[in-house]
Structures are given as structure tokens and as C-alpha cells.
Amino acid sequence: MLLEELTNTIRRVHACHRCIPPEVAAEIAEHCAGDLLTDREIEVLRKVAAGSSNKIIATELAVAETTVKSMKRGFLVG
């Protein structure tokens, strides 16, 4: 059963489909139903995704580096 599930998952992903286990999808849905991110938080996330360091993000946004670190921790705990 596990081998069959793994094979099917690989095939779905290879066909560019998402494969999210129901329990993970439920967690994502619960998180999405919560508070929305602020414009500043989205800006920080975009810069993190682009590979910018905390120091660079802080400089570009004119905030303390600890503020950026705190926001990132909030995303992970969220």
C-alpha cells in the first residue's frame, strides 16, 4: 500500500499536480483562516524569498534587524 501511494504521489507531482496530505491541508486551511499578513509582512516575506539577509531587509525597510528577525519568527510560529 505504501509503495502504491508513493508511486501515485510521484506520478501526480511529475504531472505538475500538488500532492498535500489531508492533515497538512487542514493545518494550512486553519492558518489561512486566521489573521491576514500586513503589507509590511508580505514585503519582508518577498525579500526573504528573494534571498536577502535580515540585515539587508532591515536596511531596505528602515527597521531594526531585530524587527525583521521577530517577523520571521512570527511566520514560523504563526
PDB file of N, CA and C in Angstrom:
ATOM      1  N   MET A   1       0.824  -1.193   0.000  1.00  0.00           N
ATOM      2  CA  MET A   1       0.000   0.000   0.000  1.00  0.00           C
ATOM      3  C   MET A   1       0.864   1.251   0.000  1.00  0.00           C
ATOM      4  N   LEU A   2       1.914   1.290   0.815  1.00  0.00           N
ATOM      5  CA  LEU A   2       2.777   2.454   0.883  1.00  0.00           C
ATOM      6  C   LEU A   2       3.501   2.670  -0.444  1.00  0.00           C
ATOM      7  N   LEU A   3       3.978   1.602  -1.059  1.00  0.00           N
ATOM      8  CA  LEU A   3       4.670   1.701  -2.348  1.00  0.00           C
ATOM      9  C   LEU A   3       3.720   2.245  -3.420  1.00  0.00           C
ATOM     10  N   GLU A   4       2.487   1.783  -3.408  1.00  0.00           N
ATOM     11  CA  GLU A   4       1.490   2.255  -4.368  1.00  0.00           C
ATOM     12  C   GLU A   4       1.193   3.749  -4.150  1.00  0.00           C
ATOM     13  N   GLU A   5       1.059   4.146  -2.896  1.00  0.00           N
ATOM     14  CA  GLU A   5       0.800   5.545  -2.575  1.00  0.00           C
ATOM     15  C   GLU A   5       1.983   6.421  -3.003  1.00  0.00           C
ATOM     16  N   LEU A   6       3.190   5.966  -2.744  1.00  0.00           N
ATOM     17  CA  LEU A   6       4.386   6.705  -3.147  1.00  0.00           C
ATOM     18  C   LEU A   6       4.459   6.836  -4.667  1.00  0.00           C
ATOM     19  N   THR A   7       4.208   5.756  -5.378  1.00  0.00           N
ATOM     20  CA  THR A   7       4.226   5.772  -6.844  1.00  0.00           C
ATOM     21  C   THR A   7       3.190   6.749  -7.393  1.00  0.00           C
ATOM     22  N   ASN A   8       1.984   6.699  -6.844  1.00  0.00           N
ATOM     23  CA  ASN A   8       0.928   7.612  -7.292  1.00  0.00           C
ATOM     24  C   ASN A   8       1.289   9.068  -7.009  1.00  0.00           C
ATOM     25  N   THR A   9       1.879   9.308  -5.856  1.00  0.00           N
ATOM     26  CA  THR A   9       2.291  10.669  -5.492  1.00  0.00           C
ATOM     27  C   THR A   9       3.347  11.171  -6.463  1.00  0.00           C
ATOM     28  N   ILE A  10       4.328  10.356  -6.769  1.00  0.00           N
ATOM     29  CA  ILE A  10       5.384  10.747  -7.707  1.00  0.00           C
ATOM     30  C   ILE A  10       4.781  11.056  -9.070  1.00  0.00           C
ATOM     31  N   ARG A  11       3.859  10.243  -9.508  1.00  0.00           N
ATOM     32  CA  ARG A  11       3.204  10.479 -10.808  1.00  0.00           C
ATOM     33  C   ARG A  11       2.422  11.789 -10.809  1.00  0.00           C
ATOM     34  N   ARG A  12       1.702  12.064  -9.729  1.00  0.00           N
ATOM     35  CA  ARG A  12       0.919  13.305  -9.662  1.00  0.00           C
ATOM     36  C   ARG A  12       1.830  14.529  -9.659  1.00  0.00           C
ATOM     37  N   VAL A  13       2.902  14.460  -8.879  1.00  0.00           N
ATOM     38  CA  VAL A  13       3.835  15.583  -8.816  1.00  0.00           C
ATOM     39  C   VAL A  13       4.526  15.762 -10.167  1.00  0.00           C
ATOM     40  N   HIS A  14       4.907  14.677 -10.791  1.00  0.00           N
ATOM     41  CA  HIS A  14       5.546  14.745 -12.109  1.00  0.00           C
ATOM     42  C   HIS A  14       4.600  15.375 -13.143  1.00  0.00           C
ATOM     43  N   ALA A  15       3.305  15.187 -12.978  1.00  0.00           N
ATOM     44  CA  ALA A  15       2.309  15.770 -13.876  1.00  0.00           C
ATOM     45  C   ALA A  15       1.935  17.196 -13.455  1.00  0.00           C
ATOM     46  N   CYS A  16       2.753  17.799 -12.590  1.00  0.00           N
ATOM     47  CA  CYS A  16       2.562  19.187 -12.119  1.00  0.00           C
ATOM     48  C   CYS A  16       1.307  19.372 -11.266  1.00  0.00           C
ATOM     49  N   HIS A  17       0.901  18.351 -10.560  1.00  0.00           N
ATOM     50  CA  HIS A  17      -0.207  18.465  -9.614  1.00  0.00           C
ATOM     51  C   HIS A  17       0.362  18.565  -8.206  1.00  0.00           C
ATOM     52  N   ARG A  18      -0.362  19.226  -7.358  1.00  0.00           N
ATOM     53  CA  ARG A  18       0.046  19.287  -5.954  1.00  0.00           C
ATOM     54  C   ARG A  18      -0.406  18.016  -5.261  1.00  0.00           C
ATOM     55  N   CYS A  19       0.371  17.645  -4.285  1.00  0.00           N
ATOM     56  CA  CYS A  19       0.019  16.467  -3.504  1.00  0.00           C
ATOM     57  C   CYS A  19       0.213  16.813  -2.030  1.00  0.00           C
ATOM     58  N   ILE A  20      -0.870  17.221  -1.391  1.00  0.00           N
ATOM     59  CA  ILE A  20      -0.804  17.642   0.001  1.00  0.00           C
ATOM     60  C   ILE A  20      -1.642  16.684   0.835  1.00  0.00           C
ATOM     61  N   PRO A  21      -1.031  16.027   1.803  1.00  0.00           N
ATOM     62  CA  PRO A  21      -1.793  15.118   2.664  1.00  0.00           C
ATOM     63  C   PRO A  21      -2.936  15.867   3.352  1.00  0.00           C
ATOM     64  N   PRO A  22      -4.065  15.210   3.567  1.00  0.00           N
ATOM     65  CA  PRO A  22      -5.231  15.866   4.161  1.00  0.00           C
ATOM     66  C   PRO A  22      -4.946  16.567   5.486  1.00  0.00           C
ATOM     67  N   GLU A  23      -4.121  15.956   6.328  1.00  0.00           N
ATOM     68  CA  GLU A  23      -3.835  16.579   7.622  1.00  0.00           C
ATOM     69  C   GLU A  23      -3.028  17.864   7.463  1.00  0.00           C
ATOM     70  N   VAL A  24      -2.148  17.897   6.467  1.00  0.00           N
ATOM     71  CA  VAL A  24      -1.374  19.111   6.194  1.00  0.00           C
ATOM     72  C   VAL A  24      -2.294  20.172   5.594  1.00  0.00           C
ATOM     73  N   ALA A  25      -3.145  19.778   4.679  1.00  0.00           N
ATOM     74  CA  ALA A  25      -4.099  20.708   4.070  1.00  0.00           C
ATOM     75  C   ALA A  25      -4.995  21.338   5.130  1.00  0.00           C
ATOM     76  N   ALA A  26      -5.401  20.554   6.108  1.00  0.00           N
ATOM     77  CA  ALA A  26      -6.247  21.076   7.187  1.00  0.00           C
ATOM     78  C   ALA A  26      -5.496  22.122   8.001  1.00  0.00           C
ATOM     79  N   GLU A  27      -4.220  21.867   8.283  1.00  0.00           N
ATOM     80  CA  GLU A  27      -3.399  22.834   9.020  1.00  0.00           C
ATOM     81  C   GLU A  27      -3.236  24.126   8.225  1.00  0.00           C
ATOM     82  N   ILE A  28      -2.996  23.994   6.930  1.00  0.00           N
ATOM     83  CA  ILE A  28      -2.851  25.176   6.072  1.00  0.00           C
ATOM     84  C   ILE A  28      -4.147  25.967   6.055  1.00  0.00           C
ATOM     85  N   ALA A  29      -5.257  25.283   5.895  1.00  0.00           N
ATOM     86  CA  ALA A  29      -6.560  25.955   5.859  1.00  0.00           C
ATOM     87  C   ALA A  29      -6.834  26.672   7.169  1.00  0.00           C
ATOM     88  N   GLU A  30      -6.487  26.048   8.269  1.00  0.00           N
ATOM     89  CA  GLU A  30      -6.700  26.667   9.578  1.00  0.00           C
ATOM     90  C   GLU A  30      -5.849  27.925   9.715  1.00  0.00           C
ATOM     91  N   HIS A  31      -4.610  27.850   9.255  1.00  0.00           N
ATOM     92  CA  HIS A  31      -3.720  29.001   9.334  1.00  0.00           C
ATOM     93  C   HIS A  31      -4.210  30.133   8.428  1.00  0.00           C
ATOM     94  N   CYS A  32      -4.675  29.782   7.243  1.00  0.00           N
ATOM     95  CA  CYS A  32      -5.144  30.797   6.290  1.00  0.00           C
ATOM     96  C   CYS A  32      -6.405  31.489   6.787  1.00  0.00           C
ATOM     97  N   ALA A  33      -7.168  30.808   7.587  1.00  0.00           N
ATOM     98  CA  ALA A  33      -8.405  31.395   8.101  1.00  0.00           C
ATOM     99  C   ALA A  33      -8.120  32.433   9.178  1.00  0.00           C
ATOM    100  N   GLY A  34      -6.897  32.451   9.681  1.00  0.00           N
ATOM    101  CA  GLY A  34      -6.528  33.389  10.738  1.00  0.00           C
ATOM    102  C   GLY A  34      -6.262  34.782  10.203  1.00  0.00           C
ATOM    103  N   ASP A  35      -5.504  35.526  10.943  1.00  0.00           N
ATOM    104  CA  ASP A  35      -5.177  36.895  10.570  1.00  0.00           C
ATOM    105  C   ASP A  35      -4.411  36.933   9.251  1.00  0.00           C
ATOM    106  N   LEU A  36      -4.733  37.938   8.450  1.00  0.00           N
ATOM    107  CA  LEU A  36      -4.003  38.143   7.215  1.00  0.00           C
ATOM    108  C   LEU A  36      -2.697  38.855   7.516  1.00  0.00           C
ATOM    109  N   LEU A  37      -1.735  38.690   6.633  1.00  0.00           N
ATOM    110  CA  LEU A  37      -0.461  39.364   6.812  1.00  0.00           C
ATOM    111  C   LEU A  37      -0.596  40.834   6.438  1.00  0.00           C
ATOM    112  N   THR A  38       0.171  41.657   7.103  1.00  0.00           N
ATOM    113  CA  THR A  38       0.191  43.078   6.779  1.00  0.00           C
ATOM    114  C   THR A  38       1.014  43.276   5.502  1.00  0.00           C
ATOM    115  N   ASP A  39       0.891  44.456   4.923  1.00  0.00           N
ATOM    116  CA  ASP A  39       1.695  44.771   3.733  1.00  0.00           C
ATOM    117  C   ASP A  39       3.182  44.671   4.042  1.00  0.00           C
ATOM    118  N   ARG A  40       3.572  45.125   5.224  1.00  0.00           N
ATOM    119  CA  ARG A  40       4.986  45.077   5.613  1.00  0.00           C
ATOM    120  C   ARG A  40       5.455  43.629   5.750  1.00  0.00           C
ATOM    121  N   GLU A  41       4.630  42.761   6.341  1.00  0.00           N
ATOM    122  CA  GLU A  41       4.997  41.353   6.497  1.00  0.00           C
ATOM    123  C   GLU A  41       5.149  40.680   5.130  1.00  0.00           C
ATOM    124  N   ILE A  42       4.280  41.006   4.215  1.00  0.00           N
ATOM    125  CA  ILE A  42       4.372  40.450   2.863  1.00  0.00           C
ATOM    126  C   ILE A  42       5.659  40.931   2.196  1.00  0.00           C
ATOM    127  N   GLU A  43       5.989  42.197   2.399  1.00  0.00           N
ATOM    128  CA  GLU A  43       7.218  42.753   1.839  1.00  0.00           C
ATOM    129  C   GLU A  43       8.443  42.027   2.398  1.00  0.00           C
ATOM    130  N   VAL A  44       8.433  41.770   3.704  1.00  0.00           N
ATOM    131  CA  VAL A  44       9.543  41.036   4.328  1.00  0.00           C
ATOM    132  C   VAL A  44       9.622  39.625   3.746  1.00  0.00           C
ATOM    133  N   LEU A  45       8.495  38.958   3.621  1.00  0.00           N
ATOM    134  CA  LEU A  45       8.487  37.600   3.063  1.00  0.00           C
ATOM    135  C   LEU A  45       9.028  37.572   1.639  1.00  0.00           C
ATOM    136  N   ARG A  46       8.650  38.556   0.846  1.00  0.00           N
ATOM    137  CA  ARG A  46       9.156  38.617  -0.539  1.00  0.00           C
ATOM    138  C   ARG A  46      10.675  38.774  -0.555  1.00  0.00           C
ATOM    139  N   LYS A  47      11.184  39.600   0.318  1.00  0.00           N
ATOM    140  CA  LYS A  47      12.629  39.820   0.371  1.00  0.00           C
ATOM    141  C   LYS A  47      13.352  38.568   0.888  1.00  0.00           C
ATOM    142  N   VAL A  48      12.748  37.878   1.839  1.00  0.00           N
ATOM    143  CA  VAL A  48      13.327  36.617   2.326  1.00  0.00           C
ATOM    144  C   VAL A  48      13.346  35.600   1.191  1.00  0.00           C
ATOM    145  N   ALA A  49      12.246  35.512   0.462  1.00  0.00           N
ATOM    146  CA  ALA A  49      12.158  34.563  -0.653  1.00  0.00           C
ATOM    147  C   ALA A  49      13.175  34.882  -1.745  1.00  0.00           C
ATOM    148  N   ALA A  50      13.508  36.167  -1.882  1.00  0.00           N
ATOM    149  CA  ALA A  50      14.498  36.579  -2.881  1.00  0.00           C
ATOM    150  C   ALA A  50      15.923  36.316  -2.401  1.00  0.00           C
ATOM    151  N   GLY A  51      16.065  35.883  -1.147  1.00  0.00           N
ATOM    152  CA  GLY A  51      17.378  35.526  -0.620  1.00  0.00           C
ATOM    153  C   GLY A  51      18.081  36.624   0.142  1.00  0.00           C
ATOM    154  N   SER A  52      17.381  37.714   0.426  1.00  0.00           N
ATOM    155  CA  SER A  52      18.001  38.818   1.170  1.00  0.00           C
ATOM    156  C   SER A  52      18.230  38.432   2.628  1.00  0.00           C
ATOM    157  N   SER A  53      19.326  38.930   3.174  1.00  0.00           N
ATOM    158  CA  SER A  53      19.625  38.671   4.586  1.00  0.00           C
ATOM    159  C   SER A  53      18.788  39.587   5.475  1.00  0.00           C
ATOM    160  N   ASN A  54      18.721  39.247   6.751  1.00  0.00           N
ATOM    161  CA  ASN A  54      17.986  40.088   7.712  1.00  0.00           C
ATOM    162  C   ASN A  54      18.520  41.521   7.696  1.00  0.00           C
ATOM    163  N   LYS A  55      19.840  41.639   7.647  1.00  0.00           N
ATOM    164  CA  LYS A  55      20.467  42.962   7.685  1.00  0.00           C
ATOM    165  C   LYS A  55      20.082  43.797   6.461  1.00  0.00           C
ATOM    166  N   ILE A  56      20.107  43.190   5.296  1.00  0.00           N
ATOM    167  CA  ILE A  56      19.744  43.901   4.069  1.00  0.00           C
ATOM    168  C   ILE A  56      18.268  44.292   4.098  1.00  0.00           C
ATOM    169  N   ILE A  57      17.426  43.368   4.519  1.00  0.00           N
ATOM    170  CA  ILE A  57      15.989  43.665   4.602  1.00  0.00           C
ATOM    171  C   ILE A  57      15.759  44.834   5.554  1.00  0.00           C
ATOM    172  N   ALA A  58      16.400  44.782   6.705  1.00  0.00           N
ATOM    173  CA  ALA A  58      16.234  45.850   7.689  1.00  0.00           C
ATOM    174  C   ALA A  58      16.670  47.194   7.124  1.00  0.00           C
ATOM    175  N   THR A  59      17.777  47.208   6.426  1.00  0.00           N
ATOM    176  CA  THR A  59      18.272  48.458   5.835  1.00  0.00           C
ATOM    177  C   THR A  59      17.306  48.973   4.783  1.00  0.00           C
ATOM    178  N   GLU A  60      16.859  48.086   3.904  1.00  0.00           N
ATOM    179  CA  GLU A  60      15.952  48.492   2.827  1.00  0.00           C
ATOM    180  C   GLU A  60      14.612  49.001   3.354  1.00  0.00           C
ATOM    181  N   LEU A  61      14.156  48.444   4.468  1.00  0.00           N
ATOM    182  CA  LEU A  61      12.849  48.830   5.010  1.00  0.00           C
ATOM    183  C   LEU A  61      12.962  49.849   6.140  1.00  0.00           C
ATOM    184  N   ALA A  62      14.180  50.239   6.451  1.00  0.00           N
ATOM    185  CA  ALA A  62      14.425  51.218   7.513  1.00  0.00           C
ATOM    186  C   ALA A  62      13.834  50.784   8.852  1.00  0.00           C
ATOM    187  N   VAL A  63      14.117  49.529   9.214  1.00  0.00           N
ATOM    188  CA  VAL A  63      13.701  48.991  10.515  1.00  0.00           C
ATOM    189  C   VAL A  63      14.914  48.314  11.143  1.00  0.00           C
ATOM    190  N   ALA A  64      14.789  47.979  12.408  1.00  0.00           N
ATOM    191  CA  ALA A  64      15.870  47.274  13.097  1.00  0.00           C
ATOM    192  C   ALA A  64      15.949  45.831  12.607  1.00  0.00           C
ATOM    193  N   GLU A  65      17.146  45.297  12.585  1.00  0.00           N
ATOM    194  CA  GLU A  65      17.333  43.906  12.185  1.00  0.00           C
ATOM    195  C   GLU A  65      16.555  42.967  13.111  1.00  0.00           C
ATOM    196  N   THR A  66      16.466  43.334  14.384  1.00  0.00           N
ATOM    197  CA  THR A  66      15.690  42.504  15.321  1.00  0.00           C
ATOM    198  C   THR A  66      14.202  42.480  14.949  1.00  0.00           C
ATOM    199  N   THR A  67      13.719  43.554  14.347  1.00  0.00           N
ATOM    200  CA  THR A  67      12.321  43.586  13.897  1.00  0.00           C
ATOM    201  C   THR A  67      12.103  42.560  12.795  1.00  0.00           C
ATOM    202  N   VAL A  68      13.036  42.497  11.865  1.00  0.00           N
ATOM    203  CA  VAL A  68      12.942  41.519  10.771  1.00  0.00           C
ATOM    204  C   VAL A  68      12.989  40.104  11.340  1.00  0.00           C
ATOM    205  N   LYS A  69      13.918  39.859  12.271  1.00  0.00           N
ATOM    206  CA  LYS A  69      14.028  38.532  12.887  1.00  0.00           C
ATOM    207  C   LYS A  69      12.736  38.163  13.608  1.00  0.00           C
ATOM    208  N   SER A  70      12.168  39.116  14.302  1.00  0.00           N
ATOM    209  CA  SER A  70      10.927  38.871  15.034  1.00  0.00           C
ATOM    210  C   SER A  70       9.787  38.520  14.077  1.00  0.00           C
ATOM    211  N   MET A  71       9.711  39.247  12.963  1.00  0.00           N
ATOM    212  CA  MET A  71       8.666  38.947  11.973  1.00  0.00           C
ATOM    213  C   MET A  71       8.836  37.545  11.425  1.00  0.00           C
ATOM    214  N   LYS A  72      10.068  37.174  11.115  1.00  0.00           N
ATOM    215  CA  LYS A  72      10.325  35.844  10.567  1.00  0.00           C
ATOM    216  C   LYS A  72       9.949  34.755  11.569  1.00  0.00           C
ATOM    217  N   ARG A  73      10.251  34.984  12.852  1.00  0.00           N
ATOM    218  CA  ARG A  73       9.864  34.001  13.878  1.00  0.00           C
ATOM    219  C   ARG A  73       8.342  33.887  13.914  1.00  0.00           C
ATOM    220  N   GLY A  74       7.654  35.015  13.780  1.00  0.00           N
ATOM    221  CA  GLY A  74       6.192  35.018  13.785  1.00  0.00           C
ATOM    222  C   GLY A  74       5.617  34.210  12.642  1.00  0.00           C
ATOM    223  N   PHE A  75       6.282  34.256  11.475  1.00  0.00           N
ATOM    224  CA  PHE A  75       5.818  33.483  10.320  1.00  0.00           C
ATOM    225  C   PHE A  75       5.924  31.995  10.618  1.00  0.00           C
ATOM    226  N   LEU A  76       7.013  31.609  11.277  1.00  0.00           N
ATOM    227  CA  LEU A  76       7.235  30.196  11.560  1.00  0.00           C
ATOM    228  C   LEU A  76       6.304  29.679  12.643  1.00  0.00           C
ATOM    229  N   VAL A  77       6.022  30.501  13.620  1.00  0.00           N
ATOM    230  CA  VAL A  77       5.157  30.082  14.727  1.00  0.00           C
ATOM    231  C   VAL A  77       3.701  30.154  14.305  1.00  0.00           C
ATOM    232  N   GLY A  78       3.369  31.279  13.594  1.00  0.00           N
ATOM    233  CA  GLY A  78       2.049  31.597  13.099  1.00  0.00           C
ATOM    234  C   GLY A  78       1.035  30.622  13.393  1.00  0.00           C
TER     235      GLY A  78
END
